[in-house]
Amino acid sequence: MSEATPVILLNGASSSGKTTLARALQRAMDAPFLYFSSDQLVAAGVLPAVDRTSTTGPWAWRSVRPRFFDGFHRATAALAAAGNALIVEHVIEFRSWYDDLVELLVDCDVFYVGVECPLPELERRERERGDRFIGEGRSHLDDGVHTWGPYDIIIDTGVSTAEENARLVQRAFHERKPPSAFQSALALRRASGADGQPWEKAAQHHLAADETLASLKSGS
């Protein structure tokens, strides 16, 4: 579709299955893709010993967190600018984060994937993982993680396996046609003076993403 660097961006609540899908998708792609997530940076010990109980001060997570994620977004754009095809896993918690990514990745070929999971299954996974705050996934859903803008495809990890979903994403990625979800969001932002995308338009794109998935599953 494009000579721009491809970025497959997976967005969904904590414990919705993004990591498992990302790894399966990385194996399924017919070209080399780097896998990048903020959890990798945390696991690598990038963060200092932040204080997650304080609300003020230089060591408070609330102080460090905005800069950390701003850096993660900019690092994503930098990796893509260097020509690295990417699979990026994220919980886009705020509209401002979404807006930043739409602008930062403007020169990339972004394929935006909504990763959904029924709440009971999400909470079961959360309990079994043992490394997440109970209720974190629900809070992401309540805060609107899937409402910031349109998707190119929406995947339900509670219905299909990671390998099946990876094949669906791979096929949809190869069959994609412009404008992409991010291209549509950027055009709407600029047409409206960057005041945001009307929800009616976003709803139409969500419907299109659902229809893409249904078409892929039916083989049509």
N, C-alpha and C. Protein backbone atom coordinates (compact mmCIF):
# COMPACT_ATOMS: atom_id res chain seq x y z
N MET A 1 0.82 -1.20 0.00
CA MET A 1 0.00 0.00 0.00
C MET A 1 0.85 1.25 0.00
N SER A 2 1.97 1.23 0.71
CA SER A 2 2.74 2.45 0.90
C SER A 2 4.20 2.10 1.11
N GLU A 3 5.11 3.04 0.76
CA GLU A 3 6.53 2.85 1.02
C GLU A 3 6.91 3.36 2.40
N ALA A 4 5.99 4.00 3.09
CA ALA A 4 6.25 4.47 4.44
C ALA A 4 6.47 3.27 5.36
N THR A 5 7.22 3.47 6.42
CA THR A 5 7.50 2.39 7.37
C THR A 5 6.21 1.93 8.04
N PRO A 6 5.92 0.62 8.00
CA PRO A 6 4.69 0.14 8.63
C PRO A 6 4.81 0.06 10.15
N VAL A 7 3.75 0.48 10.82
CA VAL A 7 3.65 0.38 12.28
C VAL A 7 2.29 -0.23 12.59
N ILE A 8 2.30 -1.44 13.12
CA ILE A 8 1.07 -2.09 13.56
C ILE A 8 0.90 -1.77 15.04
N LEU A 9 -0.08 -0.96 15.35
CA LEU A 9 -0.27 -0.45 16.72
C LEU A 9 -1.44 -1.17 17.37
N LEU A 10 -1.14 -1.96 18.40
CA LEU A 10 -2.15 -2.71 19.14
C LEU A 10 -2.54 -1.92 20.38
N ASN A 11 -3.83 -1.61 20.49
CA ASN A 11 -4.31 -0.85 21.64
C ASN A 11 -5.42 -1.61 22.35
N GLY A 12 -5.32 -1.68 23.67
CA GLY A 12 -6.36 -2.34 24.44
C GLY A 12 -6.06 -2.28 25.92
N ALA A 13 -7.03 -2.66 26.71
CA ALA A 13 -6.88 -2.64 28.16
C ALA A 13 -5.82 -3.62 28.63
N SER A 14 -5.31 -3.40 29.81
CA SER A 14 -4.39 -4.34 30.43
C SER A 14 -5.05 -5.72 30.52
N SER A 15 -4.28 -6.77 30.23
CA SER A 15 -4.71 -8.17 30.28
C SER A 15 -5.68 -8.55 29.17
N SER A 16 -5.77 -7.72 28.13
CA SER A 16 -6.66 -8.06 27.02
C SER A 16 -6.02 -9.00 26.02
N GLY A 17 -4.73 -9.30 26.17
CA GLY A 17 -4.06 -10.25 25.28
C GLY A 17 -3.16 -9.62 24.24
N LYS A 18 -2.74 -8.39 24.46
CA LYS A 18 -1.94 -7.69 23.46
C LYS A 18 -0.56 -8.32 23.28
N THR A 19 0.10 -8.66 24.38
CA THR A 19 1.45 -9.21 24.29
C THR A 19 1.45 -10.53 23.55
N THR A 20 0.53 -11.42 23.90
CA THR A 20 0.44 -12.72 23.24
C THR A 20 0.15 -12.55 21.76
N LEU A 21 -0.76 -11.62 21.44
CA LEU A 21 -1.07 -11.35 20.04
C LEU A 21 0.14 -10.77 19.31
N ALA A 22 0.84 -9.84 19.96
CA ALA A 22 2.00 -9.21 19.32
C ALA A 22 3.07 -10.24 18.97
N ARG A 23 3.34 -11.16 19.88
CA ARG A 23 4.35 -12.18 19.62
C ARG A 23 3.90 -13.12 18.49
N ALA A 24 2.62 -13.50 18.50
CA ALA A 24 2.10 -14.37 17.44
C ALA A 24 2.15 -13.64 16.10
N LEU A 25 1.84 -12.35 16.11
CA LEU A 25 1.84 -11.57 14.89
C LEU A 25 3.26 -11.40 14.36
N GLN A 26 4.21 -11.20 15.25
CA GLN A 26 5.61 -11.07 14.85
C GLN A 26 6.07 -12.33 14.12
N ARG A 27 5.64 -13.49 14.62
CA ARG A 27 5.99 -14.77 13.98
C ARG A 27 5.27 -14.94 12.64
N ALA A 28 4.07 -14.41 12.54
CA ALA A 28 3.24 -14.63 11.35
C ALA A 28 3.61 -13.73 10.17
N MET A 29 4.20 -12.57 10.44
CA MET A 29 4.47 -11.61 9.37
C MET A 29 5.55 -12.16 8.43
N ASP A 30 5.43 -11.82 7.16
CA ASP A 30 6.39 -12.32 6.16
C ASP A 30 7.55 -11.37 5.95
N ALA A 31 7.69 -10.40 6.82
CA ALA A 31 8.84 -9.49 6.84
C ALA A 31 9.21 -9.26 8.29
N PRO A 32 10.47 -8.86 8.56
CA PRO A 32 10.88 -8.67 9.97
C PRO A 32 10.27 -7.42 10.58
N PHE A 33 9.60 -7.60 11.70
CA PHE A 33 9.02 -6.51 12.48
C PHE A 33 9.63 -6.52 13.87
N LEU A 34 10.04 -5.36 14.37
CA LEU A 34 10.44 -5.23 15.77
C LEU A 34 9.19 -5.16 16.63
N TYR A 35 9.27 -5.72 17.83
CA TYR A 35 8.18 -5.64 18.79
C TYR A 35 8.60 -4.69 19.89
N PHE A 36 7.75 -3.70 20.19
CA PHE A 36 8.12 -2.64 21.13
C PHE A 36 6.95 -2.34 22.04
N SER A 37 7.23 -2.26 23.34
CA SER A 37 6.19 -1.91 24.31
C SER A 37 6.82 -1.20 25.50
N SER A 38 6.02 -0.44 26.21
CA SER A 38 6.51 0.24 27.41
C SER A 38 6.84 -0.77 28.51
N ASP A 39 6.14 -1.91 28.53
CA ASP A 39 6.43 -2.95 29.53
C ASP A 39 7.85 -3.48 29.38
N GLN A 40 8.35 -3.52 28.13
CA GLN A 40 9.72 -3.98 27.92
C GLN A 40 10.72 -3.04 28.60
N LEU A 41 10.44 -1.75 28.52
CA LEU A 41 11.33 -0.77 29.16
C LEU A 41 11.30 -0.92 30.67
N VAL A 42 10.10 -1.12 31.21
CA VAL A 42 9.98 -1.31 32.66
C VAL A 42 10.71 -2.58 33.10
N ALA A 43 10.52 -3.67 32.34
CA ALA A 43 11.15 -4.95 32.68
C ALA A 43 12.67 -4.86 32.58
N ALA A 44 13.17 -3.99 31.71
CA ALA A 44 14.61 -3.83 31.53
C ALA A 44 15.25 -2.97 32.62
N GLY A 45 14.43 -2.44 33.52
CA GLY A 45 14.96 -1.64 34.61
C GLY A 45 15.22 -0.19 34.24
N VAL A 46 14.56 0.28 33.20
CA VAL A 46 14.76 1.67 32.78
C VAL A 46 14.31 2.66 33.84
N LEU A 47 13.21 2.34 34.51
CA LEU A 47 12.67 3.26 35.51
C LEU A 47 13.51 3.28 36.78
N PRO A 48 13.65 4.43 37.41
CA PRO A 48 14.27 4.48 38.74
C PRO A 48 13.28 3.93 39.77
N ALA A 49 13.67 3.93 41.03
CA ALA A 49 12.80 3.44 42.10
C ALA A 49 11.75 4.50 42.42
N VAL A 50 10.77 4.62 41.56
CA VAL A 50 9.76 5.66 41.73
C VAL A 50 8.86 5.36 42.93
N ASP A 51 8.30 6.41 43.48
CA ASP A 51 7.39 6.32 44.61
C ASP A 51 5.96 6.35 44.06
N ARG A 52 5.29 5.22 44.13
CA ARG A 52 3.94 5.12 43.57
C ARG A 52 2.86 5.53 44.57
N THR A 53 3.27 5.92 45.77
CA THR A 53 2.29 6.36 46.77
C THR A 53 2.21 7.88 46.88
N SER A 54 3.30 8.56 46.56
CA SER A 54 3.30 10.02 46.64
C SER A 54 2.65 10.62 45.40
N THR A 55 2.12 11.80 45.57
CA THR A 55 1.51 12.52 44.45
C THR A 55 2.33 13.71 44.00
N THR A 56 3.34 14.05 44.77
CA THR A 56 4.20 15.18 44.40
C THR A 56 5.67 14.81 44.64
N GLY A 57 6.54 15.62 44.07
CA GLY A 57 7.97 15.41 44.25
C GLY A 57 8.59 14.73 43.03
N PRO A 58 9.91 14.87 42.86
CA PRO A 58 10.58 14.36 41.66
C PRO A 58 10.58 12.84 41.54
N TRP A 59 10.44 12.12 42.68
CA TRP A 59 10.45 10.66 42.65
C TRP A 59 9.06 10.06 42.53
N ALA A 60 8.03 10.89 42.59
CA ALA A 60 6.66 10.38 42.50
C ALA A 60 6.39 9.86 41.09
N TRP A 61 5.77 8.69 41.01
CA TRP A 61 5.41 8.13 39.70
C TRP A 61 4.52 9.09 38.92
N ARG A 62 3.71 9.82 39.62
CA ARG A 62 2.84 10.79 38.96
C ARG A 62 3.66 11.89 38.27
N SER A 63 4.85 12.18 38.80
CA SER A 63 5.73 13.18 38.18
C SER A 63 6.52 12.58 37.02
N VAL A 64 6.99 11.34 37.20
CA VAL A 64 7.84 10.68 36.21
C VAL A 64 7.01 10.15 35.03
N ARG A 65 5.81 9.69 35.31
CA ARG A 65 5.00 8.97 34.32
C ARG A 65 4.75 9.75 33.03
N PRO A 66 4.33 11.02 33.07
CA PRO A 66 4.07 11.73 31.81
C PRO A 66 5.30 11.80 30.90
N ARG A 67 6.47 12.03 31.50
CA ARG A 67 7.70 12.12 30.70
C ARG A 67 8.08 10.75 30.14
N PHE A 68 7.87 9.71 30.94
CA PHE A 68 8.19 8.36 30.50
C PHE A 68 7.38 8.00 29.25
N PHE A 69 6.08 8.24 29.30
CA PHE A 69 5.25 7.85 28.15
C PHE A 69 5.42 8.80 26.97
N ASP A 70 5.72 10.06 27.23
CA ASP A 70 6.05 10.96 26.13
C ASP A 70 7.30 10.45 25.42
N GLY A 71 8.27 10.01 26.21
CA GLY A 71 9.49 9.44 25.62
C GLY A 71 9.22 8.15 24.87
N PHE A 72 8.34 7.31 25.41
CA PHE A 72 7.98 6.06 24.72
C PHE A 72 7.35 6.36 23.37
N HIS A 73 6.46 7.34 23.32
CA HIS A 73 5.83 7.70 22.05
C HIS A 73 6.86 8.22 21.05
N ARG A 74 7.76 9.07 21.54
CA ARG A 74 8.79 9.63 20.65
C ARG A 74 9.78 8.55 20.21
N ALA A 75 10.08 7.60 21.10
CA ALA A 75 10.97 6.49 20.75
C ALA A 75 10.34 5.62 19.67
N THR A 76 9.05 5.42 19.77
CA THR A 76 8.34 4.65 18.74
C THR A 76 8.50 5.32 17.38
N ALA A 77 8.28 6.63 17.35
CA ALA A 77 8.43 7.38 16.10
C ALA A 77 9.87 7.33 15.60
N ALA A 78 10.84 7.40 16.51
CA ALA A 78 12.25 7.37 16.11
C ALA A 78 12.63 6.02 15.52
N LEU A 79 12.17 4.94 16.13
CA LEU A 79 12.46 3.61 15.59
C LEU A 79 11.89 3.46 14.18
N ALA A 80 10.67 3.95 13.99
CA ALA A 80 10.04 3.87 12.67
C ALA A 80 10.76 4.77 11.67
N ALA A 81 11.19 5.95 12.12
CA ALA A 81 11.89 6.88 11.23
C ALA A 81 13.22 6.29 10.75
N ALA A 82 13.79 5.39 11.53
CA ALA A 82 15.04 4.72 11.14
C ALA A 82 14.78 3.58 10.17
N GLY A 83 13.52 3.33 9.82
CA GLY A 83 13.18 2.31 8.85
C GLY A 83 12.79 0.97 9.44
N ASN A 84 12.56 0.91 10.75
CA ASN A 84 12.19 -0.34 11.40
C ASN A 84 10.68 -0.55 11.34
N ALA A 85 10.24 -1.62 10.69
CA ALA A 85 8.83 -1.99 10.76
C ALA A 85 8.54 -2.42 12.20
N LEU A 86 7.40 -1.96 12.74
CA LEU A 86 7.12 -2.13 14.16
C LEU A 86 5.78 -2.79 14.43
N ILE A 87 5.75 -3.60 15.48
CA ILE A 87 4.52 -4.00 16.14
C ILE A 87 4.60 -3.39 17.53
N VAL A 88 3.71 -2.46 17.82
CA VAL A 88 3.75 -1.71 19.07
C VAL A 88 2.52 -2.06 19.90
N GLU A 89 2.79 -2.40 21.14
CA GLU A 89 1.72 -2.72 22.10
C GLU A 89 1.54 -1.56 23.06
N HIS A 90 0.30 -1.14 23.28
CA HIS A 90 0.09 0.04 24.11
C HIS A 90 -1.30 0.00 24.76
N VAL A 91 -1.39 0.67 25.89
CA VAL A 91 -2.68 1.03 26.48
C VAL A 91 -2.77 2.55 26.32
N ILE A 92 -3.51 3.00 25.34
CA ILE A 92 -3.62 4.45 25.10
C ILE A 92 -4.68 4.98 26.06
N GLU A 93 -4.20 5.43 27.21
CA GLU A 93 -5.10 5.76 28.31
C GLU A 93 -5.79 7.11 28.17
N PHE A 94 -5.19 8.00 27.40
CA PHE A 94 -5.72 9.37 27.33
C PHE A 94 -5.87 9.82 25.89
N ARG A 95 -6.83 10.68 25.66
CA ARG A 95 -7.01 11.24 24.33
C ARG A 95 -5.75 11.99 23.87
N SER A 96 -5.08 12.65 24.80
CA SER A 96 -3.87 13.39 24.45
C SER A 96 -2.78 12.45 23.93
N TRP A 97 -2.68 11.23 24.50
CA TRP A 97 -1.71 10.26 24.00
C TRP A 97 -2.05 9.87 22.57
N TYR A 98 -3.32 9.62 22.32
CA TYR A 98 -3.77 9.26 20.97
C TYR A 98 -3.43 10.37 19.98
N ASP A 99 -3.75 11.59 20.36
CA ASP A 99 -3.48 12.74 19.49
C ASP A 99 -1.98 12.86 19.21
N ASP A 100 -1.16 12.65 20.24
CA ASP A 100 0.29 12.73 20.06
C ASP A 100 0.77 11.67 19.06
N LEU A 101 0.25 10.46 19.18
CA LEU A 101 0.67 9.38 18.29
C LEU A 101 0.24 9.63 16.85
N VAL A 102 -0.96 10.15 16.68
CA VAL A 102 -1.43 10.47 15.33
C VAL A 102 -0.48 11.47 14.67
N GLU A 103 -0.01 12.45 15.42
CA GLU A 103 0.90 13.46 14.88
C GLU A 103 2.32 12.92 14.73
N LEU A 104 2.81 12.21 15.74
CA LEU A 104 4.19 11.72 15.70
C LEU A 104 4.42 10.70 14.59
N LEU A 105 3.40 9.90 14.29
CA LEU A 105 3.53 8.83 13.30
C LEU A 105 2.95 9.23 11.95
N VAL A 106 2.87 10.52 11.70
CA VAL A 106 2.24 11.02 10.48
C VAL A 106 2.93 10.51 9.22
N ASP A 107 4.23 10.25 9.27
CA ASP A 107 4.96 9.78 8.09
C ASP A 107 5.04 8.27 8.00
N CYS A 108 4.36 7.57 8.91
CA CYS A 108 4.38 6.11 8.94
C CYS A 108 3.09 5.54 8.35
N ASP A 109 3.16 4.28 8.00
CA ASP A 109 2.00 3.54 7.52
C ASP A 109 1.41 2.80 8.72
N VAL A 110 0.55 3.49 9.48
CA VAL A 110 0.04 2.95 10.74
C VAL A 110 -1.19 2.10 10.48
N PHE A 111 -1.18 0.89 11.02
CA PHE A 111 -2.34 0.00 10.99
C PHE A 111 -2.79 -0.17 12.44
N TYR A 112 -3.92 0.42 12.76
CA TYR A 112 -4.36 0.57 14.15
C TYR A 112 -5.35 -0.54 14.51
N VAL A 113 -4.96 -1.36 15.49
CA VAL A 113 -5.72 -2.56 15.86
C VAL A 113 -6.31 -2.41 17.26
N GLY A 114 -7.61 -2.54 17.37
CA GLY A 114 -8.26 -2.56 18.67
C GLY A 114 -8.28 -3.98 19.21
N VAL A 115 -7.71 -4.18 20.39
CA VAL A 115 -7.65 -5.51 21.01
C VAL A 115 -8.65 -5.54 22.15
N GLU A 116 -9.75 -6.25 21.92
CA GLU A 116 -10.82 -6.31 22.90
C GLU A 116 -10.89 -7.69 23.54
N CYS A 117 -11.56 -7.74 24.68
CA CYS A 117 -11.73 -8.99 25.42
C CYS A 117 -12.92 -8.81 26.35
N PRO A 118 -13.83 -9.80 26.44
CA PRO A 118 -14.94 -9.68 27.38
C PRO A 118 -14.43 -9.44 28.80
N LEU A 119 -15.11 -8.57 29.53
CA LEU A 119 -14.64 -8.18 30.86
C LEU A 119 -14.43 -9.38 31.80
N PRO A 120 -15.35 -10.36 31.87
CA PRO A 120 -15.11 -11.50 32.78
C PRO A 120 -13.81 -12.25 32.46
N GLU A 121 -13.54 -12.43 31.16
CA GLU A 121 -12.30 -13.11 30.77
C GLU A 121 -11.09 -12.24 31.07
N LEU A 122 -11.21 -10.95 30.83
CA LEU A 122 -10.12 -10.03 31.13
C LEU A 122 -9.77 -10.07 32.61
N GLU A 123 -10.79 -10.06 33.46
CA GLU A 123 -10.55 -10.07 34.91
C GLU A 123 -10.01 -11.41 35.37
N ARG A 124 -10.41 -12.51 34.71
CA ARG A 124 -9.85 -13.81 35.06
C ARG A 124 -8.35 -13.83 34.75
N ARG A 125 -7.97 -13.32 33.59
CA ARG A 125 -6.56 -13.26 33.23
C ARG A 125 -5.79 -12.38 34.21
N GLU A 126 -6.40 -11.29 34.59
CA GLU A 126 -5.76 -10.35 35.51
C GLU A 126 -5.43 -11.03 36.84
N ARG A 127 -6.39 -11.81 37.35
CA ARG A 127 -6.16 -12.53 38.61
C ARG A 127 -5.07 -13.57 38.46
N GLU A 128 -5.06 -14.28 37.32
CA GLU A 128 -4.09 -15.35 37.12
C GLU A 128 -2.67 -14.81 36.93
N ARG A 129 -2.55 -13.62 36.33
CA ARG A 129 -1.22 -13.05 36.08
C ARG A 129 -0.51 -12.73 37.39
N GLY A 130 -1.22 -12.13 38.30
CA GLY A 130 -0.65 -11.81 39.59
C GLY A 130 0.32 -10.64 39.61
N ASP A 131 0.54 -10.01 38.46
CA ASP A 131 1.47 -8.87 38.40
C ASP A 131 0.77 -7.59 37.99
N ARG A 132 -0.54 -7.57 38.11
CA ARG A 132 -1.32 -6.39 37.77
C ARG A 132 -2.26 -6.04 38.93
N PHE A 133 -2.57 -4.75 39.05
CA PHE A 133 -3.54 -4.34 40.04
C PHE A 133 -4.91 -4.86 39.63
N ILE A 134 -5.61 -5.51 40.57
CA ILE A 134 -6.95 -6.01 40.27
C ILE A 134 -7.86 -4.81 39.98
N GLY A 135 -8.52 -4.87 38.85
CA GLY A 135 -9.39 -3.78 38.43
C GLY A 135 -8.74 -2.84 37.44
N GLU A 136 -7.45 -3.07 37.12
CA GLU A 136 -6.75 -2.18 36.20
C GLU A 136 -7.37 -2.23 34.81
N GLY A 137 -7.64 -3.45 34.33
CA GLY A 137 -8.24 -3.58 33.00
C GLY A 137 -9.60 -2.93 32.91
N ARG A 138 -10.42 -3.14 33.94
CA ARG A 138 -11.75 -2.51 33.96
C ARG A 138 -11.62 -0.99 33.95
N SER A 139 -10.64 -0.47 34.69
CA SER A 139 -10.48 0.98 34.73
C SER A 139 -10.09 1.53 33.36
N HIS A 140 -9.28 0.79 32.61
CA HIS A 140 -8.92 1.24 31.26
C HIS A 140 -10.15 1.30 30.37
N LEU A 141 -11.01 0.30 30.49
CA LEU A 141 -12.24 0.30 29.70
C LEU A 141 -13.16 1.45 30.12
N ASP A 142 -13.29 1.63 31.43
CA ASP A 142 -14.16 2.70 31.93
C ASP A 142 -13.64 4.08 31.51
N ASP A 143 -12.32 4.20 31.39
CA ASP A 143 -11.72 5.49 31.03
C ASP A 143 -11.74 5.75 29.53
N GLY A 144 -12.21 4.76 28.75
CA GLY A 144 -12.41 5.01 27.32
C GLY A 144 -11.27 4.62 26.41
N VAL A 145 -10.51 3.58 26.76
CA VAL A 145 -9.34 3.20 25.97
C VAL A 145 -9.67 2.95 24.50
N HIS A 146 -10.92 2.53 24.21
CA HIS A 146 -11.29 2.23 22.83
C HIS A 146 -12.09 3.36 22.16
N THR A 147 -12.14 4.52 22.77
CA THR A 147 -13.03 5.57 22.26
C THR A 147 -12.32 6.74 21.60
N TRP A 148 -11.00 6.72 21.54
CA TRP A 148 -10.29 7.92 21.08
C TRP A 148 -10.41 8.14 19.58
N GLY A 149 -10.54 7.08 18.82
CA GLY A 149 -10.60 7.25 17.38
C GLY A 149 -10.84 5.92 16.68
N PRO A 150 -10.89 5.95 15.35
CA PRO A 150 -11.23 4.75 14.58
C PRO A 150 -10.11 3.72 14.58
N TYR A 151 -10.50 2.46 14.36
CA TYR A 151 -9.55 1.37 14.18
C TYR A 151 -9.58 0.88 12.73
N ASP A 152 -8.49 0.24 12.31
CA ASP A 152 -8.49 -0.43 11.02
C ASP A 152 -9.10 -1.82 11.13
N ILE A 153 -8.95 -2.44 12.29
CA ILE A 153 -9.58 -3.72 12.57
C ILE A 153 -9.69 -3.88 14.08
N ILE A 154 -10.73 -4.58 14.53
CA ILE A 154 -10.93 -4.85 15.96
C ILE A 154 -10.89 -6.36 16.16
N ILE A 155 -10.07 -6.80 17.10
CA ILE A 155 -9.87 -8.22 17.39
C ILE A 155 -10.42 -8.54 18.78
N ASP A 156 -11.10 -9.66 18.91
CA ASP A 156 -11.61 -10.12 20.21
C ASP A 156 -10.80 -11.34 20.64
N THR A 157 -9.95 -11.15 21.63
CA THR A 157 -9.08 -12.24 22.06
C THR A 157 -9.81 -13.27 22.93
N GLY A 158 -11.05 -12.97 23.30
CA GLY A 158 -11.83 -13.93 24.07
C GLY A 158 -12.53 -14.94 23.19
N VAL A 159 -12.49 -14.72 21.88
CA VAL A 159 -13.21 -15.60 20.94
C VAL A 159 -12.25 -16.50 20.17
N SER A 160 -11.12 -15.94 19.74
CA SER A 160 -10.17 -16.69 18.90
C SER A 160 -8.81 -16.76 19.58
N THR A 161 -8.00 -17.72 19.13
CA THR A 161 -6.65 -17.85 19.68
C THR A 161 -5.75 -16.74 19.15
N ALA A 162 -4.61 -16.58 19.79
CA ALA A 162 -3.65 -15.57 19.35
C ALA A 162 -3.20 -15.83 17.92
N GLU A 163 -2.98 -17.11 17.59
CA GLU A 163 -2.54 -17.45 16.24
C GLU A 163 -3.62 -17.14 15.21
N GLU A 164 -4.87 -17.43 15.55
CA GLU A 164 -5.97 -17.12 14.62
C GLU A 164 -6.10 -15.61 14.44
N ASN A 165 -6.02 -14.88 15.53
CA ASN A 165 -6.12 -13.42 15.45
C ASN A 165 -4.93 -12.83 14.70
N ALA A 166 -3.75 -13.41 14.88
CA ALA A 166 -2.57 -12.92 14.16
C ALA A 166 -2.77 -13.08 12.66
N ARG A 167 -3.35 -14.19 12.25
CA ARG A 167 -3.60 -14.40 10.82
C ARG A 167 -4.62 -13.39 10.30
N LEU A 168 -5.64 -13.10 11.11
CA LEU A 168 -6.63 -12.11 10.70
C LEU A 168 -6.00 -10.73 10.54
N VAL A 169 -5.17 -10.35 11.51
CA VAL A 169 -4.51 -9.05 11.43
C VAL A 169 -3.56 -9.00 10.24
N GLN A 170 -2.79 -10.07 10.04
CA GLN A 170 -1.85 -10.12 8.92
C GLN A 170 -2.58 -9.96 7.59
N ARG A 171 -3.69 -10.68 7.46
CA ARG A 171 -4.44 -10.60 6.20
C ARG A 171 -5.02 -9.21 6.00
N ALA A 172 -5.63 -8.66 7.05
CA ALA A 172 -6.21 -7.32 6.95
C ALA A 172 -5.13 -6.28 6.65
N PHE A 173 -3.95 -6.47 7.24
CA PHE A 173 -2.84 -5.55 6.99
C PHE A 173 -2.44 -5.57 5.53
N HIS A 174 -2.34 -6.75 4.94
CA HIS A 174 -1.92 -6.87 3.55
C HIS A 174 -3.01 -6.41 2.58
N GLU A 175 -4.27 -6.47 3.01
CA GLU A 175 -5.38 -6.09 2.13
C GLU A 175 -5.85 -4.66 2.37
N ARG A 176 -5.18 -3.93 3.23
CA ARG A 176 -5.63 -2.60 3.61
C ARG A 176 -5.61 -1.64 2.42
N LYS A 177 -6.49 -0.67 2.46
CA LYS A 177 -6.56 0.36 1.44
C LYS A 177 -6.68 1.72 2.13
N PRO A 178 -6.13 2.75 1.51
CA PRO A 178 -6.24 4.08 2.12
C PRO A 178 -7.66 4.61 2.02
N PRO A 179 -8.04 5.52 2.92
CA PRO A 179 -7.22 6.04 4.00
C PRO A 179 -7.23 5.11 5.20
N SER A 180 -6.14 5.05 5.92
CA SER A 180 -6.09 4.27 7.14
C SER A 180 -6.83 5.00 8.25
N ALA A 181 -7.01 4.31 9.36
CA ALA A 181 -7.70 4.93 10.50
C ALA A 181 -6.96 6.18 10.98
N PHE A 182 -5.62 6.09 11.08
CA PHE A 182 -4.85 7.24 11.54
C PHE A 182 -4.89 8.38 10.52
N GLN A 183 -4.88 8.05 9.23
CA GLN A 183 -4.99 9.09 8.20
C GLN A 183 -6.34 9.80 8.30
N SER A 184 -7.40 9.03 8.52
CA SER A 184 -8.73 9.62 8.67
C SER A 184 -8.80 10.50 9.91
N ALA A 185 -8.22 10.01 11.01
CA ALA A 185 -8.23 10.78 12.26
C ALA A 185 -7.46 12.08 12.10
N LEU A 186 -6.31 12.02 11.42
CA LEU A 186 -5.50 13.22 11.23
C LEU A 186 -6.24 14.23 10.36
N ALA A 187 -6.88 13.76 9.30
CA ALA A 187 -7.63 14.67 8.42
C ALA A 187 -8.77 15.34 9.17
N LEU A 188 -9.46 14.58 10.00
CA LEU A 188 -10.57 15.14 10.77
C LEU A 188 -10.08 16.13 11.82
N ARG A 189 -8.94 15.80 12.45
CA ARG A 189 -8.37 16.72 13.44
C ARG A 189 -8.02 18.06 12.81
N ARG A 190 -7.38 17.99 11.66
CA ARG A 190 -6.95 19.22 11.01
C ARG A 190 -8.13 19.99 10.43
N ALA A 191 -9.13 19.26 9.95
CA ALA A 191 -10.31 19.94 9.41
C ALA A 191 -11.10 20.64 10.50
N SER A 192 -11.03 20.09 11.72
CA SER A 192 -11.78 20.68 12.84
C SER A 192 -10.91 21.57 13.71
N GLY A 193 -9.74 21.92 13.22
CA GLY A 193 -8.85 22.78 14.00
C GLY A 193 -8.23 22.07 15.17
N ALA A 194 -8.03 20.73 15.04
CA ALA A 194 -7.43 19.89 16.10
C ALA A 194 -8.26 19.88 17.36
N ASP A 195 -9.58 20.12 17.22
CA ASP A 195 -10.45 20.06 18.39
C ASP A 195 -10.95 18.66 18.66
N GLY A 196 -10.56 17.72 17.82
CA GLY A 196 -10.97 16.36 18.08
C GLY A 196 -11.93 15.87 17.02
N GLN A 197 -12.08 14.58 16.97
CA GLN A 197 -12.91 13.92 15.98
C GLN A 197 -14.33 13.77 16.50
N PRO A 198 -15.35 14.14 15.70
CA PRO A 198 -16.72 13.92 16.12
C PRO A 198 -16.98 12.45 16.38
N TRP A 199 -17.69 12.14 17.47
CA TRP A 199 -17.92 10.73 17.82
C TRP A 199 -18.69 10.00 16.73
N GLU A 200 -19.57 10.70 16.01
CA GLU A 200 -20.33 10.04 14.96
C GLU A 200 -19.39 9.46 13.91
N LYS A 201 -18.34 10.22 13.56
CA LYS A 201 -17.38 9.73 12.59
C LYS A 201 -16.61 8.54 13.15
N ALA A 202 -16.21 8.62 14.41
CA ALA A 202 -15.49 7.51 15.02
C ALA A 202 -16.35 6.26 15.04
N ALA A 203 -17.63 6.40 15.34
CA ALA A 203 -18.53 5.25 15.38
C ALA A 203 -18.63 4.60 14.01
N GLN A 204 -18.64 5.41 12.96
CA GLN A 204 -18.70 4.87 11.61
C GLN A 204 -17.45 4.04 11.31
N HIS A 205 -16.29 4.54 11.74
CA HIS A 205 -15.05 3.81 11.49
C HIS A 205 -14.98 2.54 12.33
N HIS A 206 -15.49 2.57 13.57
CA HIS A 206 -15.54 1.36 14.38
C HIS A 206 -16.40 0.30 13.69
N LEU A 207 -17.52 0.73 13.11
CA LEU A 207 -18.39 -0.20 12.39
C LEU A 207 -17.64 -0.79 11.21
N ALA A 208 -16.88 0.04 10.49
CA ALA A 208 -16.10 -0.45 9.35
C ALA A 208 -15.06 -1.47 9.81
N ALA A 209 -14.43 -1.24 10.96
CA ALA A 209 -13.44 -2.19 11.49
C ALA A 209 -14.09 -3.52 11.83
N ASP A 210 -15.28 -3.47 12.41
CA ASP A 210 -16.02 -4.70 12.70
C ASP A 210 -16.36 -5.44 11.42
N GLU A 211 -16.76 -4.70 10.39
CA GLU A 211 -17.13 -5.31 9.11
C GLU A 211 -15.91 -5.93 8.43
N THR A 212 -14.75 -5.31 8.59
CA THR A 212 -13.51 -5.89 8.06
C THR A 212 -13.23 -7.24 8.68
N LEU A 213 -13.38 -7.33 9.99
CA LEU A 213 -13.14 -8.58 10.70
C LEU A 213 -14.14 -9.64 10.25
N ALA A 214 -15.42 -9.28 10.13
CA ALA A 214 -16.44 -10.23 9.73
C ALA A 214 -16.16 -10.75 8.31
N SER A 215 -15.72 -9.85 7.44
CA SER A 215 -15.40 -10.25 6.06
C SER A 215 -14.22 -11.23 6.02
N LEU A 216 -13.20 -10.97 6.83
CA LEU A 216 -12.02 -11.85 6.87
C LEU A 216 -12.40 -13.22 7.40
N LYS A 217 -13.25 -13.25 8.43
CA LYS A 217 -13.63 -14.55 9.01
C LYS A 217 -14.48 -15.38 8.06
N SER A 218 -15.28 -14.66 7.24
CA SER A 218 -16.16 -15.38 6.31
C SER A 218 -15.42 -15.79 5.06
N GLY A 219 -14.21 -15.22 4.87
CA GLY A 219 -13.42 -15.56 3.70
C GLY A 219 -13.84 -14.83 2.46
N SER A 220 -14.72 -13.81 2.61
CA SER A 220 -15.20 -13.07 1.45
C SER A 220 -14.21 -12.02 1.04
